[in-house]
C-alpha atoms as a PDB file:
ATOM      1  CA  MET A   1     -24.049 -17.488  -2.397  1.00  0.00           C
ATOM      2  CA  MET A   2     -22.625 -15.541  -0.255  1.00  0.00           C
ATOM      3  CA  LYS A   3     -22.284 -16.550   3.499  1.00  0.00           C
ATOM      4  CA  VAL A   4     -20.935 -14.152   5.533  1.00  0.00           C
ATOM      5  CA  PHE A   5     -19.171 -14.078   9.252  1.00  0.00           C
ATOM      6  CA  ARG A   6     -18.747 -10.633  11.426  1.00  0.00           C
ATOM      7  CA  CYS A   7     -16.603 -10.192  14.141  1.00  0.00           C
ATOM      8  CA  PRO A   8     -17.213  -7.555  15.840  1.00  0.00           C
ATOM      9  CA  ALA A   9     -13.916  -4.817  16.501  1.00  0.00           C
ATOM     10  CA  ARG A  10     -11.636  -7.116  14.164  1.00  0.00           C
ATOM     11  CA  HIS A  11      -9.896  -6.469  11.014  1.00  0.00           C
ATOM     12  CA  GLY A  12      -9.343  -9.697   9.386  1.00  0.00           C
ATOM     13  CA  TYR A  13      -6.218  -9.769   7.848  1.00  0.00           C
ATOM     14  CA  ALA A  14      -5.861 -13.288   6.151  1.00  0.00           C
ATOM     15  CA  VAL A  15      -7.899 -16.536   5.631  1.00  0.00           C
ATOM     16  CA  GLU A  16      -7.055 -19.792   4.496  1.00  0.00           C
ATOM     17  CA  VAL A  17      -9.026 -22.760   3.741  1.00  0.00           C
ATOM     18  CA  SER A  18      -8.100 -26.019   5.793  1.00  0.00           C
ATOM     19  CA  PRO A  19      -5.726 -28.987   3.077  1.00  0.00           C
ATOM     20  CA  PHE A  20      -7.693 -31.344   5.009  1.00  0.00           C
ATOM     21  CA  ILE A  21     -11.432 -30.470   6.125  1.00  0.00           C
ATOM     22  CA  PRO A  22     -13.152 -28.597   2.729  1.00  0.00           C
ATOM     23  CA  ASN A  23     -16.000 -26.262   4.918  1.00  0.00           C
ATOM     24  CA  ARG A  24     -12.984 -25.166   7.384  1.00  0.00           C
ATOM     25  CA  VAL A  25     -11.631 -21.673   7.315  1.00  0.00           C
ATOM     26  CA  ALA A  26      -8.936 -20.075   9.810  1.00  0.00           C
ATOM     27  CA  CYS A  27      -8.518 -16.191   9.605  1.00  0.00           C
ATOM     28  CA  ALA A  28      -6.103 -14.112  11.473  1.00  0.00           C
ATOM     29  CA  ALA A  29      -7.558 -10.874  12.689  1.00  0.00           C
ATOM     30  CA  SER A  30      -6.487  -7.628  14.721  1.00  0.00           C
ATOM     31  CA  GLN A  31      -8.101  -4.532  16.425  1.00  0.00           C
ATOM     32  CA  HIS A  32      -7.710  -1.172  15.285  1.00  0.00           C
ATOM     33  CA  TYR A  33      -5.936  -2.170  11.680  1.00  0.00           C
ATOM     34  CA  GLY A  34      -3.094  -3.811  13.810  1.00  0.00           C
ATOM     35  CA  ILE A  35      -1.808  -0.449  14.834  1.00  0.00           C
ATOM     36  CA  ALA A  36      -2.778  -1.256  18.293  1.00  0.00           C
ATOM     37  CA  GLY A  37      -5.155  -3.438  20.523  1.00  0.00           C
ATOM     38  CA  ARG A  38      -5.075  -7.372  20.470  1.00  0.00           C
ATOM     39  CA  GLY A  39      -5.198  -9.771  17.551  1.00  0.00           C
ATOM     40  CA  SER A  40      -7.843 -12.984  17.016  1.00  0.00           C
ATOM     41  CA  LEU A  41      -7.566 -16.231  15.357  1.00  0.00           C
ATOM     42  CA  LEU A  42     -10.853 -17.796  14.693  1.00  0.00           C
ATOM     43  CA  VAL A  43     -11.438 -21.154  12.893  1.00  0.00           C
ATOM     44  CA  LEU A  44     -14.969 -21.075  10.934  1.00  0.00           C
ATOM     45  CA  GLU A  45     -16.638 -23.541   9.149  1.00  0.00           C
ATOM     46  CA  GLU A  46     -19.014 -23.280   6.824  1.00  0.00           C
ATOM     47  CA  THR A  47     -23.121 -24.487   7.216  1.00  0.00           C
ATOM     48  CA  GLU A  48     -25.970 -25.070   5.206  1.00  0.00           C
ATOM     49  CA  THR A  49     -27.327 -21.612   6.540  1.00  0.00           C
ATOM     50  CA  GLY A  50     -23.911 -19.722   7.067  1.00  0.00           C
ATOM     51  CA  VAL A  51     -20.815 -19.748   8.777  1.00  0.00           C
ATOM     52  CA  SER A  52     -20.232 -20.809  12.650  1.00  0.00           C
ATOM     53  CA  LEU A  53     -17.498 -20.361  15.129  1.00  0.00           C
ATOM     54  CA  VAL A  54     -15.285 -23.392  15.509  1.00  0.00           C
ATOM     55  CA  ARG A  55     -13.027 -22.466  18.080  1.00  0.00           C
ATOM     56  CA  SER A  56     -11.417 -18.702  18.734  1.00  0.00           C
ATOM     57  CA  TRP A  57      -8.198 -17.540  20.262  1.00  0.00           C
ATOM     58  CA  GLN A  58      -6.786 -14.190  21.440  1.00  0.00           C
ATOM     59  CA  TRP A  59      -3.226 -12.522  21.502  1.00  0.00           C
ATOM     60  CA  GLY A  60      -1.899  -9.509  23.122  1.00  0.00           C
ATOM     61  CA  ASP A  61      -0.617  -8.335  19.763  1.00  0.00           C
ATOM     62  CA  GLY A  62      -2.246  -7.933  16.449  1.00  0.00           C
ATOM     63  CA  LEU A  63      -2.214 -11.188  14.051  1.00  0.00           C
ATOM     64  CA  PHE A  64      -1.455 -10.602  10.456  1.00  0.00           C
ATOM     65  CA  ASP A  65      -1.349 -14.203   8.725  1.00  0.00           C
ATOM     66  CA  VAL A  66      -2.084 -17.555   9.140  1.00  0.00           C
ATOM     67  CA  SER A  67      -1.305 -21.130   7.733  1.00  0.00           C
ATOM     68  CA  TRP A  68      -2.806 -24.595   8.126  1.00  0.00           C
ATOM     69  CA  SER A  69      -0.181 -27.892   8.827  1.00  0.00           C
ATOM     70  CA  GLU A  70       0.259 -29.828   5.887  1.00  0.00           C
ATOM     71  CA  ALA A  71       0.807 -32.640   7.869  1.00  0.00           C
ATOM     72  CA  ASN A  72      -1.921 -32.437  11.033  1.00  0.00           C
ATOM     73  CA  GLU A  73      -5.400 -31.406  10.195  1.00  0.00           C
ATOM     74  CA  HIS A  74      -5.449 -29.477  13.695  1.00  0.00           C
ATOM     75  CA  VAL A  75      -2.433 -27.380  13.839  1.00  0.00           C
ATOM     76  CA  LEU A  76      -1.937 -23.772  12.460  1.00  0.00           C
ATOM     77  CA  VAL A  77       0.897 -21.302  12.909  1.00  0.00           C
ATOM     78  CA  ALA A  78       0.051 -17.445  13.163  1.00  0.00           C
ATOM     79  CA  GLY A  79       2.195 -14.269  12.915  1.00  0.00           C
ATOM     80  CA  GLY A  80       2.062 -11.633  15.329  1.00  0.00           C
ATOM     81  CA  GLY A  81       2.710  -7.834  15.869  1.00  0.00           C
ATOM     82  CA  ASP A  82       4.920  -8.552  18.364  1.00  0.00           C
ATOM     83  CA  GLY A  83       7.432  -9.923  16.392  1.00  0.00           C
ATOM     84  CA  SER A  84       6.102 -13.882  17.159  1.00  0.00           C
ATOM     85  CA  LEU A  85       4.765 -17.022  15.692  1.00  0.00           C
ATOM     86  CA  GLN A  86       2.244 -19.134  17.453  1.00  0.00           C
ATOM     87  CA  LEU A  87       1.635 -22.896  17.089  1.00  0.00           C
ATOM     88  CA  TRP A  88      -2.120 -23.562  17.971  1.00  0.00           C
ATOM     89  CA  ASP A  89      -4.144 -26.638  17.875  1.00  0.00           C
ATOM     90  CA  THR A  90      -7.593 -26.497  17.335  1.00  0.00           C
ATOM     91  CA  ALA A  91      -8.290 -29.507  20.086  1.00  0.00           C
ATOM     92  CA  ASN A  92      -6.615 -26.953  22.415  1.00  0.00           C
ATOM     93  CA  HIS A  93      -8.688 -24.460  23.677  1.00  0.00           C
ATOM     94  CA  ASN A  94      -6.332 -21.860  25.943  1.00  0.00           C
ATOM     95  CA  ALA A  95      -2.970 -21.603  24.621  1.00  0.00           C
ATOM     96  CA  PRO A  96      -0.645 -22.025  21.818  1.00  0.00           C
ATOM     97  CA  LEU A  97       1.392 -24.984  21.943  1.00  0.00           C
ATOM     98  CA  ARG A  98       4.503 -23.131  21.418  1.00  0.00           C
ATOM     99  CA  VAL A  99       5.638 -19.158  20.777  1.00  0.00           C
ATOM    100  CA  ALA A 100       8.780 -18.151  18.987  1.00  0.00           C
ATOM    101  CA  LYS A 101       9.827 -14.855  18.801  1.00  0.00           C
ATOM    102  CA  GLU A 102      13.039 -14.089  16.824  1.00  0.00           C
ATOM    103  CA  HIS A 103      11.696 -11.523  14.766  1.00  0.00           C
ATOM    104  CA  THR A 104      12.246  -8.031  16.102  1.00  0.00           C
ATOM    105  CA  GLN A 105       9.546  -6.363  14.384  1.00  0.00           C
ATOM    106  CA  GLU A 106       5.905  -7.766  13.070  1.00  0.00           C
ATOM    107  CA  VAL A 107       5.409 -11.093  11.475  1.00  0.00           C
ATOM    108  CA  TYR A 108       3.475 -10.432   8.405  1.00  0.00           C
ATOM    109  CA  SER A 109       3.660 -13.558   6.619  1.00  0.00           C
ATOM    110  CA  VAL A 110       3.207 -17.203   7.539  1.00  0.00           C
ATOM    111  CA  ASP A 111       3.350 -20.186   5.336  1.00  0.00           C
ATOM    112  CA  TRP A 112       3.460 -24.178   6.029  1.00  0.00           C
ATOM    113  CA  SER A 113       5.464 -25.879   3.023  1.00  0.00           C
ATOM    114  CA  GLN A 114       3.171 -28.078   0.601  1.00  0.00           C
ATOM    115  CA  THR A 115       5.820 -30.189  -1.234  1.00  0.00           C
ATOM    116  CA  ARG A 116       6.091 -34.017   0.078  1.00  0.00           C
ATOM    117  CA  GLY A 117       8.834 -35.322   2.423  1.00  0.00           C
ATOM    118  CA  GLU A 118       8.975 -31.417   3.592  1.00  0.00           C
ATOM    119  CA  ASN A 119       7.515 -30.244   6.896  1.00  0.00           C
ATOM    120  CA  LEU A 120       9.032 -26.083   7.050  1.00  0.00           C
ATOM    121  CA  ILE A 121       7.336 -23.213   7.789  1.00  0.00           C
ATOM    122  CA  VAL A 122       8.877 -19.689   6.865  1.00  0.00           C
ATOM    123  CA  SER A 123       8.179 -16.529   8.165  1.00  0.00           C
ATOM    124  CA  GLY A 124       8.724 -12.947   6.677  1.00  0.00           C
ATOM    125  CA  SER A 125       8.861  -9.978   8.971  1.00  0.00           C
ATOM    126  CA  TRP A 126       9.115  -5.876   8.928  1.00  0.00           C
ATOM    127  CA  ASP A 127      12.522  -6.473   9.985  1.00  0.00           C
ATOM    128  CA  GLN A 128      13.372  -7.347   6.686  1.00  0.00           C
ATOM    129  CA  THR A 129      14.414 -10.893   7.219  1.00  0.00           C
ATOM    130  CA  ALA A 130      12.713 -14.216   6.398  1.00  0.00           C
ATOM    131  CA  LYS A 131      13.388 -17.038   8.678  1.00  0.00           C
ATOM    132  CA  VAL A 132      12.477 -20.686   8.117  1.00  0.00           C
ATOM    133  CA  TRP A 133      11.487 -22.996  10.856  1.00  0.00           C
ATOM    134  CA  ASP A 134      10.991 -26.502  12.262  1.00  0.00           C
ATOM    135  CA  PRO A 135       7.159 -27.707  12.608  1.00  0.00           C
ATOM    136  CA  ALA A 136       7.639 -27.672  16.109  1.00  0.00           C
ATOM    137  CA  LEU A 137       8.865 -23.957  16.379  1.00  0.00           C
ATOM    138  CA  SER A 138      11.980 -24.707  18.443  1.00  0.00           C
ATOM    139  CA  GLN A 139      14.340 -22.536  16.491  1.00  0.00           C
ATOM    140  CA  SER A 140      15.125 -21.117  13.346  1.00  0.00           C
ATOM    141  CA  LEU A 141      16.889 -23.261  11.100  1.00  0.00           C
ATOM    142  CA  THR A 142      17.871 -20.450   9.073  1.00  0.00           C
ATOM    143  CA  THR A 143      17.537 -16.291   8.688  1.00  0.00           C
ATOM    144  CA  LEU A 144      17.946 -15.150   5.060  1.00  0.00           C
ATOM    145  CA  ARG A 145      18.645 -11.455   4.557  1.00  0.00           C
ATOM    146  CA  GLY A 146      18.787  -9.320   1.533  1.00  0.00           C
ATOM    147  CA  HIS A 147      15.504  -7.205   0.925  1.00  0.00           C
ATOM    148  CA  GLU A 148      15.779  -3.424   1.700  1.00  0.00           C
ATOM    149  CA  GLY A 149      12.407  -3.234   2.602  1.00  0.00           C
ATOM    150  CA  VAL A 150       9.990  -4.536   4.791  1.00  0.00           C
ATOM    151  CA  ILE A 151       8.873  -8.393   3.667  1.00  0.00           C
ATOM    152  CA  TYR A 152       5.293  -8.639   3.134  1.00  0.00           C
ATOM    153  CA  SER A 153       4.988 -11.974   1.743  1.00  0.00           C
ATOM    154  CA  THR A 154       6.869 -15.557   1.860  1.00  0.00           C
ATOM    155  CA  ILE A 155       5.441 -18.411  -0.245  1.00  0.00           C
ATOM    156  CA  TRP A 156       6.867 -22.011  -0.405  1.00  0.00           C
ATOM    157  CA  SER A 157       7.105 -23.080  -4.140  1.00  0.00           C
ATOM    158  CA  PRO A 158       4.842 -25.732  -4.444  1.00  0.00           C
ATOM    159  CA  HIS A 159       6.823 -27.932  -6.965  1.00  0.00           C
ATOM    160  CA  ILE A 160      10.604 -27.485  -5.736  1.00  0.00           C
ATOM    161  CA  PRO A 161      11.810 -28.592  -1.885  1.00  0.00           C
ATOM    162  CA  GLY A 162      13.420 -25.751  -0.124  1.00  0.00           C
ATOM    163  CA  CYS A 163      12.351 -23.167  -2.310  1.00  0.00           C
ATOM    164  CA  PHE A 164      10.407 -20.232  -1.541  1.00  0.00           C
ATOM    165  CA  ALA A 165       9.443 -16.708  -2.935  1.00  0.00           C
ATOM    166  CA  SER A 166       9.268 -13.212  -1.039  1.00  0.00           C
ATOM    167  CA  ALA A 167       7.754  -9.865  -1.686  1.00  0.00           C
ATOM    168  CA  SER A 168       8.731  -6.685  -0.388  1.00  0.00           C
ATOM    169  CA  GLY A 169       8.321  -3.080   0.212  1.00  0.00           C
ATOM    170  CA  ASP A 170      11.622  -2.368  -1.319  1.00  0.00           C
ATOM    171  CA  GLY A 171       9.990  -3.561  -5.051  1.00  0.00           C
ATOM    172  CA  THR A 172      11.493  -6.686  -5.388  1.00  0.00           C
ATOM    173  CA  LEU A 173      10.517 -10.443  -5.644  1.00  0.00           C
ATOM    174  CA  ARG A 174      12.960 -12.959  -4.582  1.00  0.00           C
ATOM    175  CA  ILE A 175      13.594 -16.371  -4.962  1.00  0.00           C
ATOM    176  CA  TRP A 176      15.396 -18.401  -1.973  1.00  0.00           C
ATOM    177  CA  ASP A 177      17.159 -21.702  -1.774  1.00  0.00           C
ATOM    178  CA  VAL A 178      16.960 -22.804   1.815  1.00  0.00           C
ATOM    179  CA  LYS A 179      19.695 -25.434   1.424  1.00  0.00           C
ATOM    180  CA  SER A 180      22.324 -22.982   0.552  1.00  0.00           C
ATOM    181  CA  ALA A 181      20.523 -19.939   2.375  1.00  0.00           C
ATOM    182  CA  ALA A 182      20.845 -17.886  -0.663  1.00  0.00           C
ATOM    183  CA  CYS A 183      18.660 -15.675  -2.927  1.00  0.00           C
ATOM    184  CA  ARG A 184      18.939 -17.223  -6.110  1.00  0.00           C
ATOM    185  CA  LEU A 185      16.760 -14.493  -8.306  1.00  0.00           C
ATOM    186  CA  ALA A 186      15.831 -10.934  -7.280  1.00  0.00           C
ATOM    187  CA  VAL A 187      13.232  -9.713  -9.661  1.00  0.00           C
ATOM    188  CA  PRO A 188      12.781  -5.523  -9.560  1.00  0.00           C
ATOM    189  CA  ALA A 189       9.117  -6.420 -10.501  1.00  0.00           C
ATOM    190  CA  HIS A 190       7.248  -2.952  -9.473  1.00  0.00           C
ATOM    191  CA  LYS A 191       8.313   0.510  -8.975  1.00  0.00           C
ATOM    192  CA  ALA A 192       6.352   0.625  -5.751  1.00  0.00           C
ATOM    193  CA  GLU A 193       6.131  -1.976  -2.873  1.00  0.00           C
ATOM    194  CA  ILE A 194       5.322  -5.547  -3.363  1.00  0.00           C
ATOM    195  CA  LEU A 195       2.717  -6.513  -1.121  1.00  0.00           C
ATOM    196  CA  ASN A 196       1.878 -10.056  -1.867  1.00  0.00           C
ATOM    197  CA  CYS A 197       2.980 -12.880  -4.139  1.00  0.00           C
ATOM    198  CA  ASP A 198       1.721 -16.444  -5.281  1.00  0.00           C
ATOM    199  CA  TRP A 199       3.196 -19.301  -7.203  1.00  0.00           C
ATOM    200  CA  CYS A 200       1.299 -21.009  -9.940  1.00  0.00           C
ATOM    201  CA  LYS A 201       0.122 -24.726  -9.269  1.00  0.00           C
ATOM    202  CA  TYR A 202       0.782 -25.894 -12.499  1.00  0.00           C
ATOM    203  CA  ASP A 203       3.952 -24.421 -13.682  1.00  0.00           C
ATOM    204  CA  GLN A 204       6.970 -23.840 -11.300  1.00  0.00           C
ATOM    205  CA  ASN A 205       8.316 -21.152 -13.422  1.00  0.00           C
ATOM    206  CA  ILE A 206       5.234 -18.635 -13.092  1.00  0.00           C
ATOM    207  CA  VAL A 207       4.921 -16.262  -9.801  1.00  0.00           C
ATOM    208  CA  ALA A 208       2.422 -13.570  -9.798  1.00  0.00           C
ATOM    209  CA  THR A 209       3.027 -10.154  -7.956  1.00  0.00           C
ATOM    210  CA  GLY A 210       0.571  -7.984  -6.624  1.00  0.00           C
ATOM    211  CA  SER A 211       2.167  -4.141  -5.560  1.00  0.00           C
ATOM    212  CA  VAL A 212       0.516  -0.571  -4.340  1.00  0.00           C
ATOM    213  CA  ASP A 213       0.752   0.487  -7.650  1.00  0.00           C
ATOM    214  CA  CYS A 214      -2.371  -1.221  -8.624  1.00  0.00           C
ATOM    215  CA  SER A 215      -1.232  -3.690 -10.874  1.00  0.00           C
ATOM    216  CA  VAL A 216      -0.794  -7.563 -10.582  1.00  0.00           C
ATOM    217  CA  CYS A 217       2.176  -8.691 -12.630  1.00  0.00           C
ATOM    218  CA  VAL A 218       2.818 -12.567 -13.834  1.00  0.00           C
ATOM    219  CA  TRP A 219       6.546 -13.472 -14.144  1.00  0.00           C
ATOM    220  CA  ASP A 220       7.867 -16.152 -15.994  1.00  0.00           C
ATOM    221  CA  LEU A 221      11.514 -16.912 -13.950  1.00  0.00           C
ATOM    222  CA  ARG A 222      13.145 -18.546 -16.950  1.00  0.00           C
ATOM    223  CA  ASN A 223      13.108 -14.625 -18.335  1.00  0.00           C
ATOM    224  CA  VAL A 224      12.246 -11.549 -16.190  1.00  0.00           C
ATOM    225  CA  ARG A 225      12.920  -8.701 -18.135  1.00  0.00           C
ATOM    226  CA  GLN A 226       9.770  -7.815 -18.544  1.00  0.00           C
ATOM    227  CA  PRO A 227       6.148  -9.569 -16.975  1.00  0.00           C
ATOM    228  CA  VAL A 228       4.221 -12.212 -19.147  1.00  0.00           C
ATOM    229  CA  ASN A 229       1.431 -10.269 -18.534  1.00  0.00           C
ATOM    230  CA  GLN A 230       0.141  -7.181 -16.360  1.00  0.00           C
ATOM    231  CA  LEU A 231      -3.340  -7.340 -15.271  1.00  0.00           C
ATOM    232  CA  LEU A 232      -4.623  -3.700 -14.556  1.00  0.00           C
ATOM    233  CA  GLY A 233      -8.290  -2.855 -13.326  1.00  0.00           C
ATOM    234  CA  HIS A 234      -7.520  -2.215  -9.313  1.00  0.00           C
ATOM    235  CA  THR A 235      -7.762   1.541  -8.367  1.00  0.00           C
ATOM    236  CA  TYR A 236      -6.025   1.389  -4.999  1.00  0.00           C
ATOM    237  CA  ALA A 237      -3.230  -1.455  -3.580  1.00  0.00           C
ATOM    238  CA  ILE A 238      -3.165  -4.811  -4.108  1.00  0.00           C
ATOM    239  CA  ARG A 239      -3.333  -6.420  -0.853  1.00  0.00           C
ATOM    240  CA  ARG A 240      -3.464 -10.337  -2.123  1.00  0.00           C
ATOM    241  CA  VAL A 241      -3.222 -12.546  -5.276  1.00  0.00           C
ATOM    242  CA  LYS A 242      -3.970 -16.474  -5.165  1.00  0.00           C
ATOM    243  CA  PHE A 243      -3.614 -18.680  -8.247  1.00  0.00           C
ATOM    244  CA  SER A 244      -6.454 -20.725  -8.726  1.00  0.00           C
ATOM    245  CA  PRO A 245      -5.695 -24.880  -7.682  1.00  0.00           C
ATOM    246  CA  PHE A 246      -8.172 -25.889 -10.527  1.00  0.00           C
ATOM    247  CA  SER A 247      -7.444 -23.543 -13.680  1.00  0.00           C
ATOM    248  CA  LYS A 248      -3.184 -23.097 -15.008  1.00  0.00           C
ATOM    249  CA  THR A 249      -3.658 -19.400 -15.933  1.00  0.00           C
ATOM    250  CA  THR A 250      -6.625 -17.994 -13.551  1.00  0.00           C
ATOM    251  CA  LEU A 251      -5.724 -15.956 -10.602  1.00  0.00           C
ATOM    252  CA  ALA A 252      -7.709 -13.609  -8.135  1.00  0.00           C
ATOM    253  CA  SER A 253      -6.799 -10.658  -6.420  1.00  0.00           C
ATOM    254  CA  CYS A 254      -7.652  -8.605  -3.481  1.00  0.00           C
ATOM    255  CA  SER A 255      -7.428  -4.573  -3.085  1.00  0.00           C
ATOM    256  CA  TYR A 256      -8.300  -1.747  -0.827  1.00  0.00           C
ATOM    257  CA  ASP A 257     -10.212  -0.789  -3.576  1.00  0.00           C
ATOM    258  CA  PHE A 258     -12.914  -3.135  -2.176  1.00  0.00           C
ATOM    259  CA  THR A 259     -13.140  -5.498  -4.816  1.00  0.00           C
ATOM    260  CA  VAL A 260     -11.621  -8.793  -5.637  1.00  0.00           C
ATOM    261  CA  ARG A 261     -11.062  -9.436  -9.409  1.00  0.00           C
ATOM    262  CA  PHE A 262     -10.562 -12.399 -11.015  1.00  0.00           C
ATOM    263  CA  TRP A 263      -8.280 -13.196 -14.224  1.00  0.00           C
ATOM    264  CA  ASP A 264      -7.086 -15.501 -16.916  1.00  0.00           C
ATOM    265  CA  TYR A 265      -3.491 -14.007 -17.516  1.00  0.00           C
ATOM    266  CA  SER A 266      -3.209 -15.718 -21.081  1.00  0.00           C
ATOM    267  CA  ARG A 267      -5.857 -13.820 -22.517  1.00  0.00           C
ATOM    268  CA  ASN A 268      -5.756 -10.295 -24.203  1.00  0.00           C
ATOM    269  CA  GLN A 269      -8.574  -9.120 -22.146  1.00  0.00           C
ATOM    270  CA  PRO A 270      -7.765 -11.030 -18.973  1.00  0.00           C
ATOM    271  CA  LEU A 271     -10.254  -9.430 -16.830  1.00  0.00           C
ATOM    272  CA  LEU A 272     -13.121 -12.555 -15.824  1.00  0.00           C
ATOM    273  CA  ASP A 273     -14.965 -10.664 -12.891  1.00  0.00           C
ATOM    274  CA  THR A 274     -14.854  -8.164 -10.401  1.00  0.00           C
ATOM    275  CA  VAL A 275     -16.786  -8.857  -7.074  1.00  0.00           C
ATOM    276  CA  GLU A 276     -18.079  -5.428  -5.316  1.00  0.00           C
ATOM    277  CA  HIS A 277     -19.960  -6.595  -2.391  1.00  0.00           C
ATOM    278  CA  HIS A 278     -17.319  -5.631   0.585  1.00  0.00           C
ATOM    279  CA  SER A 279     -17.708  -2.059   1.999  1.00  0.00           C
ATOM    280  CA  GLU A 280     -14.183  -1.821   3.290  1.00  0.00           C
ATOM    281  CA  PHE A 281     -10.236  -2.863   2.471  1.00  0.00           C
ATOM    282  CA  VAL A 282     -10.243  -6.460   1.547  1.00  0.00           C
ATOM    283  CA  CYS A 283      -7.069  -8.291   2.850  1.00  0.00           C
ATOM    284  CA  GLY A 284      -7.535 -11.890   2.902  1.00  0.00           C
ATOM    285  CA  LEU A 285      -8.274 -14.488  -0.178  1.00  0.00           C
ATOM    286  CA  ASP A 286      -8.020 -18.062  -0.708  1.00  0.00           C
ATOM    287  CA  PHE A 287      -9.423 -20.991  -3.126  1.00  0.00           C
ATOM    288  CA  ASN A 288     -10.944 -23.503  -1.695  1.00  0.00           C
ATOM    289  CA  LEU A 289      -8.855 -26.884  -2.674  1.00  0.00           C
ATOM    290  CA  HIS A 290     -11.792 -29.103  -2.176  1.00  0.00           C
ATOM    291  CA  ILE A 291     -14.695 -27.120  -4.060  1.00  0.00           C
ATOM    292  CA  PRO A 292     -14.317 -25.422  -7.193  1.00  0.00           C
ATOM    293  CA  HIS A 293     -15.365 -21.896  -8.003  1.00  0.00           C
ATOM    294  CA  GLN A 294     -15.195 -21.282  -4.154  1.00  0.00           C
ATOM    295  CA  VAL A 295     -13.252 -18.793  -2.882  1.00  0.00           C
ATOM    296  CA  THR A 296     -13.068 -17.021   0.705  1.00  0.00           C
ATOM    297  CA  HIS A 297     -11.827 -13.448   1.204  1.00  0.00           C
ATOM    298  CA  THR A 298     -12.154 -11.053   4.443  1.00  0.00           C
ATOM    299  CA  HIS A 299     -11.885  -7.572   4.749  1.00  0.00           C
ATOM    300  CA  THR A 300     -11.100  -5.040   7.750  1.00  0.00           C
ATOM    301  CA  HIS A 301     -14.886  -3.919   8.209  1.00  0.00           C
ATOM    302  CA  THR A 302     -15.957  -3.929  11.629  1.00  0.00           C
ATOM    303  CA  HIS A 303     -19.574  -4.459  12.723  1.00  0.00           C
ATOM    304  CA  PRO A 304     -21.054  -3.022  16.220  1.00  0.00           C
END
């Protein structure tokens, strides 16, 4: 059963299910495809009959990504077109708890670390840098440089503390070690821009990339001469990839071709299913950690 929430004059860019509350979702959205206008951060809740709005905040520039705290069920971080990260609390109706603005261009990716004993935020920006922050966003702890294009995606390893992956317009996937502030591995993963990456939840060596070349590539970081599998089927750029938290070899991808596709990369015929109910670009995608087979996605369609 599909449940829909419509937000007039807003284009959804990212969605993430709460790690604490099974039926709660955060969505980052922008006006005018993020080119101009304001942004909105929405907290939504699934009900028996549909989807209801729990909280919403407005921001002076577009919002492109959102991530829940792994330590506090009320707190989330968003990345904005003005180069800022904002820390929000669902108990605070008005303003963000804190705003940090060190990036010089759009913040297109934010992620909160998931490994035990670690509480860090990573951000990726169009200024070609990634920054690591403490959870209070007081100031960045380190800035990592090496990409030669826009950074579209930064994602913490769910297995290795202080390790994250980044995907860039320069066509590379990079693996970073925060402690040494160094790039440990640079993979020329695609001959086109890479818009997203994700770690396998069950294997610390498996990472997927989604590209403008319409392919998803699954990589084993121990041998990156060629991908473990290349998943073909999308007809336009792939905006987001996400591994299932319930199945080692299952992942989903969403695309500017208006579809969400499900894959099992261990199969010779990896495509499992295609969902085609969207009427515009599909930008955001997440599995529900609490409910098997439930997937949330957002698109850029506006409704009068």
